[in-house]
Amino acid sequence: MRPVTTTWLQTYGDAAFDALNQQAIQIVTTHAAAATDDVRARMRAAFVTSARHELRFFAAPLEQGSPPATWTGA
């Protein structure tokens, strides 16, 4: 694994990242509780779309081989 990738992935195990993630979950949960059914449905659709993009991002190297060294993630 490339050093940049390793450092980036280690972020997920960092306590500060976990704390910010928990804060984001609380913010979304609070807003969802006060939202209309339509807004909650749109929130859910945005989450599902985001999760699909993340899954595709992490699956890409397994499906297509490793990205080229000049790959920027864009």
Protein backbone atom coordinates (compact mmCIF):
# COMPACT_ATOMS: atom_id res chain seq x y z
CA MET A 1 0.00 0.00 0.00
CA ARG A 2 1.27 3.48 -0.80
CA PRO A 3 2.36 5.63 2.19
CA VAL A 4 -0.23 8.31 1.34
CA THR A 5 -2.99 5.73 1.28
CA THR A 6 -1.83 4.19 4.53
CA THR A 7 -1.78 7.56 6.29
CA TRP A 8 -5.19 8.45 4.88
CA LEU A 9 -6.74 5.15 5.96
CA GLN A 10 -5.24 5.46 9.46
CA THR A 11 -7.43 8.54 9.87
CA TYR A 12 -10.42 6.22 10.22
CA GLY A 13 -8.88 4.71 13.35
CA ASP A 14 -8.06 8.05 14.96
CA ALA A 15 -9.98 8.98 18.13
CA ALA A 16 -10.51 12.55 16.87
CA PHE A 17 -12.08 11.21 13.67
CA ASP A 18 -14.36 8.97 15.72
CA ALA A 19 -15.43 11.91 17.90
CA LEU A 20 -16.22 14.05 14.85
CA ASN A 21 -18.10 11.17 13.26
CA GLN A 22 -20.20 10.73 16.40
CA GLN A 23 -20.89 14.47 16.43
CA ALA A 24 -22.01 14.36 12.78
CA ILE A 25 -24.31 11.41 13.53
CA GLN A 26 -25.88 13.35 16.42
CA ILE A 27 -26.42 16.44 14.25
CA VAL A 28 -28.08 14.43 11.49
CA THR A 29 -30.19 12.45 13.97
CA THR A 30 -31.40 15.65 15.64
CA HIS A 31 -32.34 17.25 12.33
CA ALA A 32 -33.98 14.07 11.04
CA ALA A 33 -36.15 13.86 14.15
CA ALA A 34 -37.51 17.35 13.49
CA ALA A 35 -37.83 16.95 9.72
CA THR A 36 -40.87 16.19 7.62
CA ASP A 37 -41.32 12.77 6.06
CA ASP A 38 -40.31 14.23 2.68
CA VAL A 39 -37.10 15.71 4.07
CA ARG A 40 -36.25 12.44 5.87
CA ALA A 41 -36.79 10.54 2.61
CA ARG A 42 -34.43 12.94 0.83
CA MET A 43 -31.89 12.57 3.66
CA ARG A 44 -32.10 8.79 3.35
CA ALA A 45 -31.66 8.95 -0.43
CA ALA A 46 -28.60 11.21 -0.03
CA PHE A 47 -27.11 8.79 2.50
CA VAL A 48 -27.71 5.78 0.25
CA THR A 49 -26.14 7.59 -2.71
CA SER A 50 -23.15 8.58 -0.58
CA ALA A 51 -22.71 5.02 0.70
CA ARG A 52 -22.82 3.66 -2.85
CA HIS A 53 -20.14 6.12 -3.95
CA GLU A 54 -17.95 5.14 -1.00
CA LEU A 55 -18.42 1.45 -1.72
CA ARG A 56 -17.50 1.97 -5.38
CA PHE A 57 -14.47 4.04 -4.37
CA PHE A 58 -13.07 1.32 -2.11
CA ALA A 59 -14.02 -1.51 -4.50
CA ALA A 60 -12.43 0.10 -7.58
CA PRO A 61 -8.85 -1.09 -6.94
CA LEU A 62 -10.09 -4.64 -6.39
CA GLU A 63 -12.15 -4.61 -9.57
CA GLN A 64 -9.74 -2.79 -11.87
CA GLY A 65 -6.31 -3.33 -10.34
CA SER A 66 -4.42 -0.66 -8.45
CA PRO A 67 -4.89 2.93 -9.60
CA PRO A 68 -1.94 4.54 -11.39
CA ALA A 69 0.66 6.30 -9.23
CA THR A 70 -0.55 9.68 -10.54
CA TRP A 71 -4.14 9.01 -9.49
CA THR A 72 -5.45 11.86 -7.29
CA GLY A 73 -8.81 10.42 -6.33
CA ALA A 74 -10.66 13.02 -8.37
